[in-house]
Structure formats: structure tokens, C-alpha cells
Amino acid sequence: MFDLQRVSVAYGAARVLKGISLRIREGEKAVIIGPSGAGKSTLLKKLYELRQAQCAFIHQDYALVAQLSAFHNVYIGRLDQHSTIHNLLNLLKPQKAELSHITPIFRAIGMEEKMFARVSTLSGGQQQRVAVGRAIYRRSSIILGDEPVSAIDPHQAGGLLGLVKSSADTVILAMHDVQLALAAFPRVIGLREGRVFLDLPSEEVGEDTLADLYRRS
């Protein structure tokens, strides 16, 4: 699935990933944690580059079209799987077939009553749910996500993560909420200063290990 061997990424003179070696097998559910600036987003982007055709990506900034409805933003997740005429028809008036596929997703993310609301009128948490819904609708074998529940109420975030994990064979997310990450994922990959600092089953990640991961340089 993913087999990185001493991969480095730099932006100008700044090296963000520094010789990362990492293997993620098909069917795994893993979470990436670490301090701000550790390289989490860059690692996700690198993974996406390697398997773009198989991936749905949940962007940290949601990447929604503000003037379109929540429904159409989810529908965008499969634009490339339909003809131009089919896409235009759904832009003008959502077709029954697509409604039958997309409505259950909005119900699952708790947004059914907002399905035809313009995205620009939605709160940050609601927009994030729409971004999650779009990734689910794409029906990809891999879901990658950069802070996909950061704007969601903590009491509801766990359920949304469960939905994401059940929607693809392989799921790899970057998260800043460490306790939620440990509770939701069996494998934890910790980055620090562009390197893999830890790669452990979640039950083996203790307070001392986390303190070392997040200690100030």
C-alpha cells in the first residue's frame, strides 16, 4: 500500500520531512500525531501523491465551494465519475439517483436539514462535516484526512471518526486531539521535527512517551 523509504521533503531551504521510512498496509487504520510543524500535513500530502487515484482527501481548510449548496459540495466528490451532462443536470436540479446516494450521508453526519443550505451560511463545524461527507461519497478505498474533526464538538467527534473509518478500507488521519486519536485508532504514528519519533499500537502509547514527543526543543 504505502512503503516510504528515507523520504525527505523540502520547501525551499526548509526540510519538512527528513528521511522518513514508513510502511502502511492495506486495511490499516492509523493516526498521525505530533507538535505543530512536525510535518503531519506534509506527510499526508506525500501519501496522497503516491495513491491519488485511490484516495479521498479531507482538507484542513475543507476546500468547499462557498456559493454552492452542501449537497453540491458533496456531489463534487465524484464529478470525475460522471459525464459532463450528468453533472450539469445535477447542478441545475439534483437527480433522484444522486439524492438517494447522498441523502443517507447527510443523515449520517447529522446534516440532513442543511443539505441544500449554501455552504457560506454554515458554521465551521458544519462545513467540516460536509467535507467529511464528500470524502465518504467518493467511495475510495483510502481516506486521508488533515484534522478532519477539529471543529466538531468533542462529544460528537468520536462518532464521526467511526463513520470515516467504516467508509474506506484504509484510513490515515492527522489529528491534534491526542486523547481522541488514541481512543479512535489502533496504530499511532508520532512525528517530531520531520522524523518518525514513534510508531506504536495505541495501547502502548503512555504519558511519558507523549511527553517526550511534545517536549519543547
N, C-alpha and C. Protein backbone atom coordinates (compact mmCIF):
# COMPACT_ATOMS: atom_id res chain seq x y z
N MET A 1 0.85 -1.19 0.00
CA MET A 1 0.00 0.00 0.00
C MET A 1 0.89 1.25 0.00
N PHE A 2 1.44 1.62 1.17
CA PHE A 2 2.40 2.72 1.25
C PHE A 2 3.71 2.18 1.82
N ASP A 3 4.81 2.45 1.13
CA ASP A 3 6.11 1.99 1.60
C ASP A 3 7.13 3.11 1.34
N LEU A 4 7.28 3.96 2.33
CA LEU A 4 8.22 5.08 2.21
C LEU A 4 9.58 4.64 2.73
N GLN A 5 10.60 4.94 1.96
CA GLN A 5 11.96 4.60 2.35
C GLN A 5 12.83 5.85 2.29
N ARG A 6 13.16 6.36 3.45
CA ARG A 6 14.04 7.52 3.60
C ARG A 6 13.57 8.70 2.72
N VAL A 7 12.32 9.05 2.87
CA VAL A 7 11.72 10.13 2.08
C VAL A 7 11.95 11.46 2.78
N SER A 8 12.43 12.42 2.01
CA SER A 8 12.60 13.78 2.51
C SER A 8 11.82 14.74 1.63
N VAL A 9 11.26 15.79 2.24
CA VAL A 9 10.55 16.83 1.51
C VAL A 9 11.02 18.18 2.02
N ALA A 10 11.30 19.09 1.10
CA ALA A 10 11.75 20.42 1.48
C ALA A 10 10.95 21.48 0.74
N TYR A 11 10.72 22.59 1.39
CA TYR A 11 10.13 23.77 0.76
C TYR A 11 11.20 24.85 0.79
N GLY A 12 11.82 25.06 -0.36
CA GLY A 12 12.97 25.96 -0.39
C GLY A 12 14.12 25.36 0.41
N ALA A 13 14.64 26.13 1.31
CA ALA A 13 15.76 25.63 2.13
C ALA A 13 15.29 24.87 3.37
N ALA A 14 13.98 24.89 3.62
CA ALA A 14 13.44 24.26 4.83
C ALA A 14 13.08 22.80 4.58
N ARG A 15 13.75 21.89 5.27
CA ARG A 15 13.41 20.47 5.17
C ARG A 15 12.29 20.16 6.16
N VAL A 16 11.16 19.69 5.63
CA VAL A 16 9.98 19.42 6.46
C VAL A 16 9.93 17.95 6.87
N LEU A 17 10.18 17.06 5.93
CA LEU A 17 10.32 15.64 6.23
C LEU A 17 11.77 15.25 6.03
N LYS A 18 12.31 14.48 6.98
CA LYS A 18 13.75 14.21 6.99
C LYS A 18 14.02 12.71 7.04
N GLY A 19 14.07 12.11 5.88
CA GLY A 19 14.44 10.70 5.80
C GLY A 19 13.44 9.76 6.43
N ILE A 20 12.17 9.98 6.16
CA ILE A 20 11.12 9.16 6.78
C ILE A 20 11.01 7.80 6.09
N SER A 21 11.00 6.75 6.90
CA SER A 21 10.72 5.40 6.43
C SER A 21 9.46 4.93 7.15
N LEU A 22 8.47 4.47 6.38
CA LEU A 22 7.17 4.14 6.96
C LEU A 22 6.42 3.20 6.04
N ARG A 23 5.84 2.16 6.62
CA ARG A 23 5.03 1.23 5.83
C ARG A 23 3.62 1.16 6.42
N ILE A 24 2.64 1.35 5.57
CA ILE A 24 1.23 1.24 5.98
C ILE A 24 0.57 0.26 5.04
N ARG A 25 0.01 -0.79 5.61
CA ARG A 25 -0.58 -1.86 4.80
C ARG A 25 -2.04 -1.59 4.49
N GLU A 26 -2.52 -2.23 3.45
CA GLU A 26 -3.92 -2.11 3.08
C GLU A 26 -4.81 -2.58 4.24
N GLY A 27 -5.84 -1.81 4.53
CA GLY A 27 -6.77 -2.17 5.60
C GLY A 27 -6.43 -1.58 6.95
N GLU A 28 -5.30 -0.89 7.05
CA GLU A 28 -4.93 -0.32 8.35
C GLU A 28 -5.68 0.97 8.63
N LYS A 29 -5.88 1.22 9.91
CA LYS A 29 -6.44 2.49 10.38
C LYS A 29 -5.38 3.10 11.29
N ALA A 30 -4.84 4.24 10.88
CA ALA A 30 -3.72 4.84 11.62
C ALA A 30 -3.94 6.33 11.78
N VAL A 31 -3.38 6.88 12.85
CA VAL A 31 -3.47 8.32 13.11
C VAL A 31 -2.06 8.88 13.27
N ILE A 32 -1.85 10.08 12.75
CA ILE A 32 -0.57 10.77 12.84
C ILE A 32 -0.72 11.91 13.84
N ILE A 33 0.14 11.93 14.84
CA ILE A 33 0.12 12.99 15.84
C ILE A 33 1.50 13.63 15.92
N GLY A 34 1.59 14.72 16.67
CA GLY A 34 2.87 15.38 16.85
C GLY A 34 2.69 16.88 16.99
N PRO A 35 3.74 17.56 17.42
CA PRO A 35 3.66 19.00 17.63
C PRO A 35 3.37 19.75 16.33
N SER A 36 2.91 20.97 16.46
CA SER A 36 2.72 21.83 15.29
C SER A 36 4.06 22.00 14.56
N GLY A 37 4.02 21.86 13.23
CA GLY A 37 5.23 21.99 12.44
C GLY A 37 6.06 20.73 12.34
N ALA A 38 5.54 19.61 12.85
CA ALA A 38 6.31 18.36 12.84
C ALA A 38 6.34 17.71 11.46
N GLY A 39 5.42 18.11 10.56
CA GLY A 39 5.40 17.52 9.23
C GLY A 39 4.19 16.65 8.94
N LYS A 40 3.17 16.71 9.79
CA LYS A 40 1.99 15.85 9.64
C LYS A 40 1.27 16.10 8.30
N SER A 41 1.00 17.36 8.02
CA SER A 41 0.29 17.68 6.78
C SER A 41 1.12 17.32 5.56
N THR A 42 2.41 17.56 5.63
CA THR A 42 3.29 17.24 4.50
C THR A 42 3.35 15.74 4.26
N LEU A 43 3.37 14.96 5.32
CA LEU A 43 3.36 13.51 5.17
C LEU A 43 2.07 13.04 4.51
N LEU A 44 0.94 13.59 4.95
CA LEU A 44 -0.33 13.23 4.32
C LEU A 44 -0.33 13.56 2.83
N LYS A 45 0.17 14.74 2.48
CA LYS A 45 0.22 15.14 1.07
C LYS A 45 1.10 14.19 0.27
N LYS A 46 2.21 13.74 0.86
CA LYS A 46 3.09 12.80 0.18
C LYS A 46 2.37 11.47 -0.05
N LEU A 47 1.65 10.99 0.95
CA LEU A 47 0.89 9.76 0.78
C LEU A 47 -0.16 9.91 -0.32
N TYR A 48 -0.81 11.06 -0.35
CA TYR A 48 -1.82 11.32 -1.38
C TYR A 48 -1.20 11.30 -2.77
N GLU A 49 -0.02 11.88 -2.93
CA GLU A 49 0.66 11.87 -4.21
C GLU A 49 0.92 10.45 -4.70
N LEU A 50 1.20 9.56 -3.79
CA LEU A 50 1.55 8.18 -4.16
C LEU A 50 0.34 7.35 -4.59
N ARG A 51 -0.85 7.69 -4.08
CA ARG A 51 -2.04 6.88 -4.38
C ARG A 51 -3.25 7.76 -4.67
N GLN A 52 -3.02 8.82 -5.42
CA GLN A 52 -4.06 9.82 -5.63
C GLN A 52 -5.34 9.24 -6.20
N ALA A 53 -5.23 8.33 -7.15
CA ALA A 53 -6.42 7.76 -7.80
C ALA A 53 -7.27 6.94 -6.85
N GLN A 54 -6.68 6.45 -5.77
CA GLN A 54 -7.39 5.60 -4.83
C GLN A 54 -7.87 6.35 -3.59
N CYS A 55 -7.53 7.64 -3.51
CA CYS A 55 -7.73 8.38 -2.26
C CYS A 55 -8.87 9.39 -2.32
N ALA A 56 -9.52 9.55 -1.18
CA ALA A 56 -10.34 10.73 -0.90
C ALA A 56 -9.60 11.49 0.19
N PHE A 57 -9.52 12.82 0.04
CA PHE A 57 -8.73 13.63 0.97
C PHE A 57 -9.64 14.65 1.65
N ILE A 58 -9.61 14.66 2.98
CA ILE A 58 -10.34 15.66 3.76
C ILE A 58 -9.35 16.76 4.12
N HIS A 59 -9.52 17.93 3.51
CA HIS A 59 -8.58 19.03 3.68
C HIS A 59 -8.80 19.76 5.01
N GLN A 60 -7.73 20.26 5.55
CA GLN A 60 -7.82 21.01 6.81
C GLN A 60 -8.67 22.27 6.65
N ASP A 61 -8.62 22.88 5.47
CA ASP A 61 -9.41 24.09 5.23
C ASP A 61 -10.73 23.77 4.52
N TYR A 62 -11.09 22.49 4.48
CA TYR A 62 -12.37 21.98 3.95
C TYR A 62 -12.41 21.96 2.42
N ALA A 63 -11.84 22.96 1.73
CA ALA A 63 -11.80 23.02 0.27
C ALA A 63 -13.20 22.92 -0.35
N LEU A 64 -14.13 23.67 0.22
CA LEU A 64 -15.51 23.69 -0.29
C LEU A 64 -15.73 24.90 -1.19
N VAL A 65 -16.78 24.82 -2.02
CA VAL A 65 -17.18 25.95 -2.86
C VAL A 65 -18.27 26.70 -2.10
N ALA A 66 -17.94 27.87 -1.59
CA ALA A 66 -18.81 28.58 -0.64
C ALA A 66 -20.18 28.92 -1.21
N GLN A 67 -20.27 29.19 -2.51
CA GLN A 67 -21.54 29.63 -3.09
C GLN A 67 -22.44 28.48 -3.51
N LEU A 68 -21.95 27.27 -3.43
CA LEU A 68 -22.78 26.11 -3.75
C LEU A 68 -23.39 25.54 -2.48
N SER A 69 -24.41 24.73 -2.65
CA SER A 69 -25.07 24.09 -1.51
C SER A 69 -24.19 23.00 -0.92
N ALA A 70 -24.53 22.59 0.29
CA ALA A 70 -23.83 21.47 0.91
C ALA A 70 -23.97 20.21 0.05
N PHE A 71 -25.16 19.99 -0.51
CA PHE A 71 -25.39 18.84 -1.40
C PHE A 71 -24.41 18.85 -2.56
N HIS A 72 -24.29 19.98 -3.25
CA HIS A 72 -23.43 20.03 -4.42
C HIS A 72 -21.96 19.89 -4.06
N ASN A 73 -21.58 20.37 -2.88
CA ASN A 73 -20.20 20.18 -2.45
C ASN A 73 -19.88 18.72 -2.20
N VAL A 74 -20.82 17.98 -1.69
CA VAL A 74 -20.61 16.53 -1.54
C VAL A 74 -20.58 15.87 -2.92
N TYR A 75 -21.50 16.27 -3.77
CA TYR A 75 -21.57 15.69 -5.12
C TYR A 75 -20.26 15.89 -5.88
N ILE A 76 -19.57 16.99 -5.63
CA ILE A 76 -18.30 17.27 -6.28
C ILE A 76 -17.29 16.14 -6.07
N GLY A 77 -17.45 15.41 -4.98
CA GLY A 77 -16.54 14.31 -4.69
C GLY A 77 -16.47 13.26 -5.78
N ARG A 78 -17.49 13.21 -6.64
CA ARG A 78 -17.49 12.20 -7.72
C ARG A 78 -17.73 12.83 -9.09
N LEU A 79 -17.38 14.08 -9.26
CA LEU A 79 -17.54 14.72 -10.57
C LEU A 79 -16.85 13.94 -11.68
N ASP A 80 -15.66 13.44 -11.38
CA ASP A 80 -14.89 12.76 -12.41
C ASP A 80 -15.44 11.37 -12.75
N GLN A 81 -16.45 10.93 -12.01
CA GLN A 81 -17.04 9.62 -12.27
C GLN A 81 -18.33 9.72 -13.09
N HIS A 82 -18.72 10.92 -13.48
CA HIS A 82 -19.95 11.13 -14.24
C HIS A 82 -19.65 11.95 -15.50
N SER A 83 -20.58 11.90 -16.44
CA SER A 83 -20.44 12.68 -17.66
C SER A 83 -20.70 14.16 -17.37
N THR A 84 -20.27 15.01 -18.30
CA THR A 84 -20.49 16.45 -18.15
C THR A 84 -21.98 16.77 -18.11
N ILE A 85 -22.76 16.11 -18.95
CA ILE A 85 -24.20 16.35 -18.99
C ILE A 85 -24.84 15.97 -17.66
N HIS A 86 -24.45 14.81 -17.13
CA HIS A 86 -24.99 14.36 -15.84
C HIS A 86 -24.66 15.37 -14.74
N ASN A 87 -23.43 15.87 -14.75
CA ASN A 87 -23.03 16.85 -13.74
C ASN A 87 -23.81 18.15 -13.86
N LEU A 88 -24.02 18.60 -15.09
CA LEU A 88 -24.79 19.83 -15.30
C LEU A 88 -26.23 19.67 -14.84
N LEU A 89 -26.82 18.53 -15.12
CA LEU A 89 -28.20 18.28 -14.69
C LEU A 89 -28.31 18.32 -13.17
N ASN A 90 -27.33 17.76 -12.50
CA ASN A 90 -27.37 17.77 -11.03
C ASN A 90 -27.07 19.14 -10.46
N LEU A 91 -26.36 19.96 -11.19
CA LEU A 91 -26.13 21.33 -10.74
C LEU A 91 -27.43 22.13 -10.82
N LEU A 92 -28.20 21.90 -11.89
CA LEU A 92 -29.47 22.61 -12.06
C LEU A 92 -30.55 22.08 -11.14
N LYS A 93 -30.63 20.76 -11.06
CA LYS A 93 -31.64 20.12 -10.21
C LYS A 93 -31.15 18.73 -9.82
N PRO A 94 -30.88 18.51 -8.54
CA PRO A 94 -30.38 17.20 -8.11
C PRO A 94 -31.29 16.07 -8.58
N GLN A 95 -30.67 15.05 -9.18
CA GLN A 95 -31.41 13.92 -9.72
C GLN A 95 -31.72 12.90 -8.63
N LYS A 96 -32.77 12.14 -8.86
CA LYS A 96 -33.23 11.18 -7.85
C LYS A 96 -32.15 10.18 -7.46
N ALA A 97 -31.40 9.72 -8.45
CA ALA A 97 -30.38 8.72 -8.16
C ALA A 97 -29.33 9.28 -7.20
N GLU A 98 -28.89 10.52 -7.46
CA GLU A 98 -27.87 11.10 -6.60
C GLU A 98 -28.43 11.45 -5.22
N LEU A 99 -29.69 11.89 -5.21
CA LEU A 99 -30.33 12.16 -3.92
C LEU A 99 -30.39 10.90 -3.07
N SER A 100 -30.66 9.78 -3.71
CA SER A 100 -30.76 8.52 -2.96
C SER A 100 -29.41 8.08 -2.40
N HIS A 101 -28.32 8.52 -3.05
CA HIS A 101 -26.98 8.16 -2.57
C HIS A 101 -26.47 9.15 -1.51
N ILE A 102 -26.80 10.42 -1.71
CA ILE A 102 -26.22 11.47 -0.87
C ILE A 102 -27.03 11.74 0.39
N THR A 103 -28.34 11.61 0.31
CA THR A 103 -29.17 11.90 1.49
C THR A 103 -28.78 11.05 2.70
N PRO A 104 -28.53 9.73 2.55
CA PRO A 104 -28.11 8.96 3.72
C PRO A 104 -26.80 9.43 4.33
N ILE A 105 -25.92 9.98 3.50
CA ILE A 105 -24.66 10.51 4.03
C ILE A 105 -24.93 11.73 4.90
N PHE A 106 -25.80 12.62 4.43
CA PHE A 106 -26.13 13.79 5.25
C PHE A 106 -26.84 13.39 6.54
N ARG A 107 -27.64 12.34 6.46
CA ARG A 107 -28.30 11.85 7.66
C ARG A 107 -27.24 11.33 8.64
N ALA A 108 -26.25 10.62 8.12
CA ALA A 108 -25.22 10.02 8.97
C ALA A 108 -24.33 11.07 9.62
N ILE A 109 -24.10 12.19 8.93
CA ILE A 109 -23.24 13.22 9.50
C ILE A 109 -24.05 14.27 10.28
N GLY A 110 -25.36 14.02 10.41
CA GLY A 110 -26.22 14.91 11.20
C GLY A 110 -26.50 16.24 10.54
N MET A 111 -26.60 16.22 9.20
CA MET A 111 -26.77 17.47 8.46
C MET A 111 -27.92 17.42 7.46
N GLU A 112 -28.85 16.49 7.63
CA GLU A 112 -29.90 16.32 6.61
C GLU A 112 -30.71 17.59 6.40
N GLU A 113 -30.99 18.32 7.47
CA GLU A 113 -31.81 19.53 7.35
C GLU A 113 -31.04 20.68 6.68
N LYS A 114 -29.72 20.53 6.55
CA LYS A 114 -28.90 21.59 5.94
C LYS A 114 -28.39 21.17 4.55
N MET A 115 -28.95 20.14 3.99
CA MET A 115 -28.39 19.58 2.77
C MET A 115 -28.37 20.57 1.61
N PHE A 116 -29.38 21.43 1.54
CA PHE A 116 -29.44 22.39 0.44
C PHE A 116 -29.12 23.82 0.87
N ALA A 117 -28.54 23.95 2.06
CA ALA A 117 -28.09 25.27 2.52
C ALA A 117 -26.79 25.63 1.81
N ARG A 118 -26.64 26.90 1.48
CA ARG A 118 -25.40 27.36 0.88
C ARG A 118 -24.28 27.22 1.91
N VAL A 119 -23.15 26.71 1.46
CA VAL A 119 -22.04 26.45 2.37
C VAL A 119 -21.60 27.71 3.11
N SER A 120 -21.67 28.86 2.46
CA SER A 120 -21.24 30.10 3.09
C SER A 120 -22.08 30.46 4.32
N THR A 121 -23.25 29.86 4.47
CA THR A 121 -24.11 30.13 5.62
C THR A 121 -23.89 29.15 6.76
N LEU A 122 -23.04 28.17 6.56
CA LEU A 122 -22.83 27.13 7.57
C LEU A 122 -21.71 27.51 8.53
N SER A 123 -21.79 26.97 9.74
CA SER A 123 -20.72 27.17 10.72
C SER A 123 -19.49 26.36 10.31
N GLY A 124 -18.38 26.62 10.98
CA GLY A 124 -17.16 25.88 10.69
C GLY A 124 -17.32 24.38 10.91
N GLY A 125 -17.98 24.01 12.01
CA GLY A 125 -18.20 22.59 12.28
C GLY A 125 -19.08 21.94 11.23
N GLN A 126 -20.10 22.66 10.77
CA GLN A 126 -20.97 22.13 9.74
C GLN A 126 -20.23 21.98 8.42
N GLN A 127 -19.40 22.95 8.09
CA GLN A 127 -18.62 22.85 6.86
C GLN A 127 -17.67 21.66 6.93
N GLN A 128 -17.11 21.42 8.10
CA GLN A 128 -16.21 20.29 8.24
C GLN A 128 -16.96 18.97 8.04
N ARG A 129 -18.17 18.90 8.50
CA ARG A 129 -18.99 17.71 8.28
C ARG A 129 -19.25 17.50 6.79
N VAL A 130 -19.50 18.59 6.07
CA VAL A 130 -19.71 18.48 4.62
C VAL A 130 -18.45 17.94 3.94
N ALA A 131 -17.30 18.41 4.36
CA ALA A 131 -16.04 17.92 3.80
C ALA A 131 -15.86 16.43 4.07
N VAL A 132 -16.25 16.00 5.26
CA VAL A 132 -16.20 14.57 5.59
C VAL A 132 -17.19 13.80 4.70
N GLY A 133 -18.39 14.35 4.55
CA GLY A 133 -19.39 13.71 3.71
C GLY A 133 -18.92 13.54 2.27
N ARG A 134 -18.24 14.54 1.76
CA ARG A 134 -17.73 14.46 0.38
C ARG A 134 -16.72 13.31 0.25
N ALA A 135 -15.84 13.17 1.23
CA ALA A 135 -14.86 12.08 1.18
C ALA A 135 -15.55 10.72 1.22
N ILE A 136 -16.57 10.61 2.03
CA ILE A 136 -17.32 9.35 2.12
C ILE A 136 -18.02 9.05 0.80
N TYR A 137 -18.63 10.07 0.20
CA TYR A 137 -19.36 9.89 -1.06
C TYR A 137 -18.45 9.44 -2.19
N ARG A 138 -17.19 9.80 -2.13
CA ARG A 138 -16.26 9.43 -3.20
C ARG A 138 -16.08 7.92 -3.30
N ARG A 139 -16.30 7.22 -2.20
CA ARG A 139 -16.22 5.75 -2.18
C ARG A 139 -14.83 5.25 -2.58
N SER A 140 -13.81 5.90 -2.09
CA SER A 140 -12.44 5.50 -2.35
C SER A 140 -12.02 4.40 -1.38
N SER A 141 -11.01 3.67 -1.75
CA SER A 141 -10.51 2.62 -0.86
C SER A 141 -9.64 3.19 0.26
N ILE A 142 -9.17 4.43 0.07
CA ILE A 142 -8.31 5.09 1.07
C ILE A 142 -8.90 6.45 1.40
N ILE A 143 -9.01 6.76 2.68
CA ILE A 143 -9.36 8.12 3.10
C ILE A 143 -8.18 8.69 3.89
N LEU A 144 -7.71 9.85 3.44
CA LEU A 144 -6.70 10.61 4.16
C LEU A 144 -7.36 11.88 4.68
N GLY A 145 -7.02 12.28 5.87
CA GLY A 145 -7.65 13.48 6.43
C GLY A 145 -6.72 14.28 7.31
N ASP A 146 -6.73 15.61 7.08
CA ASP A 146 -5.89 16.52 7.85
C ASP A 146 -6.77 17.27 8.85
N GLU A 147 -6.73 16.87 10.09
CA GLU A 147 -7.57 17.44 11.16
C GLU A 147 -9.05 17.43 10.78
N PRO A 148 -9.62 16.26 10.46
CA PRO A 148 -10.97 16.21 9.91
C PRO A 148 -12.10 16.46 10.90
N VAL A 149 -11.80 16.47 12.20
CA VAL A 149 -12.86 16.73 13.19
C VAL A 149 -12.47 17.83 14.17
N SER A 150 -11.53 18.69 13.77
CA SER A 150 -11.02 19.72 14.68
C SER A 150 -12.06 20.75 15.08
N ALA A 151 -13.09 20.95 14.23
CA ALA A 151 -14.13 21.94 14.53
C ALA A 151 -15.41 21.30 15.04
N ILE A 152 -15.37 19.99 15.31
CA ILE A 152 -16.55 19.26 15.76
C ILE A 152 -16.56 19.16 17.28
N ASP A 153 -17.74 19.25 17.85
CA ASP A 153 -17.89 19.08 19.29
C ASP A 153 -17.24 17.76 19.71
N PRO A 154 -16.41 17.77 20.76
CA PRO A 154 -15.71 16.55 21.18
C PRO A 154 -16.63 15.36 21.44
N HIS A 155 -17.85 15.63 21.90
CA HIS A 155 -18.77 14.55 22.19
C HIS A 155 -19.30 13.89 20.91
N GLN A 156 -19.21 14.59 19.79
CA GLN A 156 -19.70 14.07 18.52
C GLN A 156 -18.57 13.62 17.59
N ALA A 157 -17.36 14.09 17.88
CA ALA A 157 -16.23 13.80 17.00
C ALA A 157 -15.94 12.30 16.91
N GLY A 158 -16.09 11.59 18.03
CA GLY A 158 -15.82 10.16 18.02
C GLY A 158 -16.73 9.41 17.08
N GLY A 159 -18.01 9.78 17.07
CA GLY A 159 -18.95 9.13 16.17
C GLY A 159 -18.62 9.41 14.72
N LEU A 160 -18.20 10.64 14.42
CA LEU A 160 -17.84 11.00 13.04
C LEU A 160 -16.58 10.25 12.61
N LEU A 161 -15.63 10.10 13.51
CA LEU A 161 -14.43 9.32 13.19
C LEU A 161 -14.79 7.86 12.90
N GLY A 162 -15.73 7.32 13.67
CA GLY A 162 -16.18 5.96 13.42
C GLY A 162 -16.78 5.82 12.04
N LEU A 163 -17.54 6.83 11.63
CA LEU A 163 -18.15 6.82 10.30
C LEU A 163 -17.07 6.85 9.22
N VAL A 164 -16.06 7.69 9.41
CA VAL A 164 -14.97 7.76 8.44
C VAL A 164 -14.25 6.42 8.35
N LYS A 165 -13.96 5.82 9.49
CA LYS A 165 -13.21 4.56 9.49
C LYS A 165 -13.98 3.42 8.83
N SER A 166 -15.30 3.49 8.90
CA SER A 166 -16.11 2.42 8.30
C SER A 166 -16.37 2.65 6.82
N SER A 167 -15.90 3.78 6.29
CA SER A 167 -16.22 4.16 4.91
C SER A 167 -15.10 3.87 3.92
N ALA A 168 -13.97 3.36 4.39
CA ALA A 168 -12.86 3.03 3.49
C ALA A 168 -12.04 1.91 4.12
N ASP A 169 -11.36 1.15 3.27
CA ASP A 169 -10.54 0.05 3.78
C ASP A 169 -9.37 0.58 4.60
N THR A 170 -8.73 1.61 4.10
CA THR A 170 -7.54 2.17 4.74
C THR A 170 -7.82 3.62 5.10
N VAL A 171 -7.57 3.99 6.35
CA VAL A 171 -7.83 5.36 6.81
C VAL A 171 -6.61 5.86 7.56
N ILE A 172 -6.11 7.04 7.14
CA ILE A 172 -4.94 7.65 7.79
C ILE A 172 -5.28 9.12 8.02
N LEU A 173 -5.33 9.53 9.27
CA LEU A 173 -5.69 10.90 9.61
C LEU A 173 -4.60 11.54 10.44
N ALA A 174 -4.46 12.86 10.30
CA ALA A 174 -3.61 13.64 11.21
C ALA A 174 -4.53 14.36 12.18
N MET A 175 -4.21 14.29 13.47
CA MET A 175 -5.06 14.89 14.50
C MET A 175 -4.23 15.57 15.57
N HIS A 176 -4.79 16.65 16.14
CA HIS A 176 -4.11 17.33 17.25
C HIS A 176 -4.67 16.90 18.60
N ASP A 177 -5.90 16.34 18.61
CA ASP A 177 -6.51 15.89 19.86
C ASP A 177 -5.97 14.49 20.17
N VAL A 178 -4.97 14.44 21.01
CA VAL A 178 -4.24 13.19 21.25
C VAL A 178 -5.13 12.14 21.89
N GLN A 179 -5.91 12.50 22.90
CA GLN A 179 -6.72 11.51 23.58
C GLN A 179 -7.79 10.93 22.65
N LEU A 180 -8.38 11.75 21.83
CA LEU A 180 -9.35 11.27 20.86
C LEU A 180 -8.68 10.36 19.83
N ALA A 181 -7.48 10.74 19.41
CA ALA A 181 -6.73 9.93 18.45
C ALA A 181 -6.42 8.55 19.01
N LEU A 182 -5.96 8.51 20.26
CA LEU A 182 -5.61 7.23 20.89
C LEU A 182 -6.84 6.34 21.06
N ALA A 183 -7.97 6.97 21.37
CA ALA A 183 -9.20 6.20 21.58
C ALA A 183 -9.77 5.65 20.27
N ALA A 184 -9.50 6.35 19.17
CA ALA A 184 -10.16 6.01 17.91
C ALA A 184 -9.34 5.11 17.00
N PHE A 185 -8.01 5.08 17.18
CA PHE A 185 -7.16 4.38 16.21
C PHE A 185 -6.25 3.35 16.88
N PRO A 186 -6.08 2.21 16.24
CA PRO A 186 -5.23 1.17 16.82
C PRO A 186 -3.73 1.41 16.61
N ARG A 187 -3.39 2.24 15.62
CA ARG A 187 -1.97 2.50 15.34
C ARG A 187 -1.71 4.00 15.41
N VAL A 188 -0.65 4.37 16.09
CA VAL A 188 -0.30 5.78 16.27
C VAL A 188 1.10 6.03 15.73
N ILE A 189 1.20 7.00 14.83
CA ILE A 189 2.48 7.41 14.27
C ILE A 189 2.75 8.82 14.77
N GLY A 190 3.84 8.99 15.50
CA GLY A 190 4.18 10.29 16.05
C GLY A 190 5.34 10.93 15.30
N LEU A 191 5.12 12.14 14.80
CA LEU A 191 6.19 12.88 14.12
C LEU A 191 6.74 13.96 15.02
N ARG A 192 8.03 14.14 14.91
CA ARG A 192 8.69 15.22 15.64
C ARG A 192 9.82 15.76 14.77
N GLU A 193 9.79 17.03 14.48
CA GLU A 193 10.83 17.70 13.69
C GLU A 193 11.10 16.97 12.38
N GLY A 194 10.02 16.52 11.74
CA GLY A 194 10.14 15.92 10.41
C GLY A 194 10.57 14.47 10.38
N ARG A 195 10.62 13.83 11.54
CA ARG A 195 11.05 12.43 11.61
C ARG A 195 10.00 11.60 12.36
N VAL A 196 9.97 10.30 12.09
CA VAL A 196 9.09 9.40 12.84
C VAL A 196 9.70 9.18 14.21
N PHE A 197 9.03 9.69 15.22
CA PHE A 197 9.52 9.59 16.60
C PHE A 197 8.97 8.34 17.27
N LEU A 198 7.74 7.96 16.91
CA LEU A 198 7.15 6.73 17.45
C LEU A 198 6.18 6.14 16.43
N ASP A 199 6.03 4.84 16.50
CA ASP A 199 5.08 4.10 15.65
C ASP A 199 4.66 2.88 16.47
N LEU A 200 3.52 3.02 17.16
CA LEU A 200 3.14 2.03 18.17
C LEU A 200 1.65 1.75 18.14
N PRO A 201 1.25 0.58 18.66
CA PRO A 201 -0.18 0.37 18.94
C PRO A 201 -0.62 1.40 19.98
N SER A 202 -1.83 1.88 19.84
CA SER A 202 -2.29 2.97 20.72
C SER A 202 -2.22 2.61 22.20
N GLU A 203 -2.45 1.33 22.52
CA GLU A 203 -2.44 0.94 23.93
C GLU A 203 -1.04 0.98 24.54
N GLU A 204 -0.01 1.10 23.69
CA GLU A 204 1.36 1.15 24.20
C GLU A 204 1.89 2.59 24.30
N VAL A 205 1.05 3.55 23.95
CA VAL A 205 1.48 4.95 23.99
C VAL A 205 1.12 5.53 25.36
N GLY A 206 2.12 5.69 26.20
CA GLY A 206 1.87 6.18 27.56
C GLY A 206 2.17 7.66 27.71
N GLU A 207 1.93 8.17 28.90
CA GLU A 207 2.11 9.59 29.17
C GLU A 207 3.56 10.03 29.00
N ASP A 208 4.50 9.19 29.40
CA ASP A 208 5.91 9.55 29.26
C ASP A 208 6.30 9.66 27.79
N THR A 209 5.80 8.72 26.98
CA THR A 209 6.10 8.75 25.55
C THR A 209 5.54 10.01 24.91
N LEU A 210 4.32 10.38 25.28
CA LEU A 210 3.70 11.59 24.74
C LEU A 210 4.44 12.84 25.19
N ALA A 211 4.88 12.83 26.44
CA ALA A 211 5.62 13.99 26.95
C ALA A 211 6.91 14.18 26.16
N ASP A 212 7.59 13.09 25.82
CA ASP A 212 8.81 13.19 25.01
C ASP A 212 8.50 13.68 23.61
N LEU A 213 7.39 13.20 23.04
CA LEU A 213 7.01 13.61 21.68
C LEU A 213 6.73 15.10 21.61
N TYR A 214 6.06 15.63 22.62
CA TYR A 214 5.62 17.02 22.59
C TYR A 214 6.53 17.97 23.37
N ARG A 215 7.63 17.49 23.89
CA ARG A 215 8.52 18.39 24.65
C ARG A 215 9.08 19.47 23.74
N ARG A 216 9.30 20.63 24.32
CA ARG A 216 9.87 21.74 23.55
C ARG A 216 11.35 21.48 23.28
N SER A 217 11.77 21.89 22.09
CA SER A 217 13.19 21.70 21.71
C SER A 217 14.09 22.61 22.54
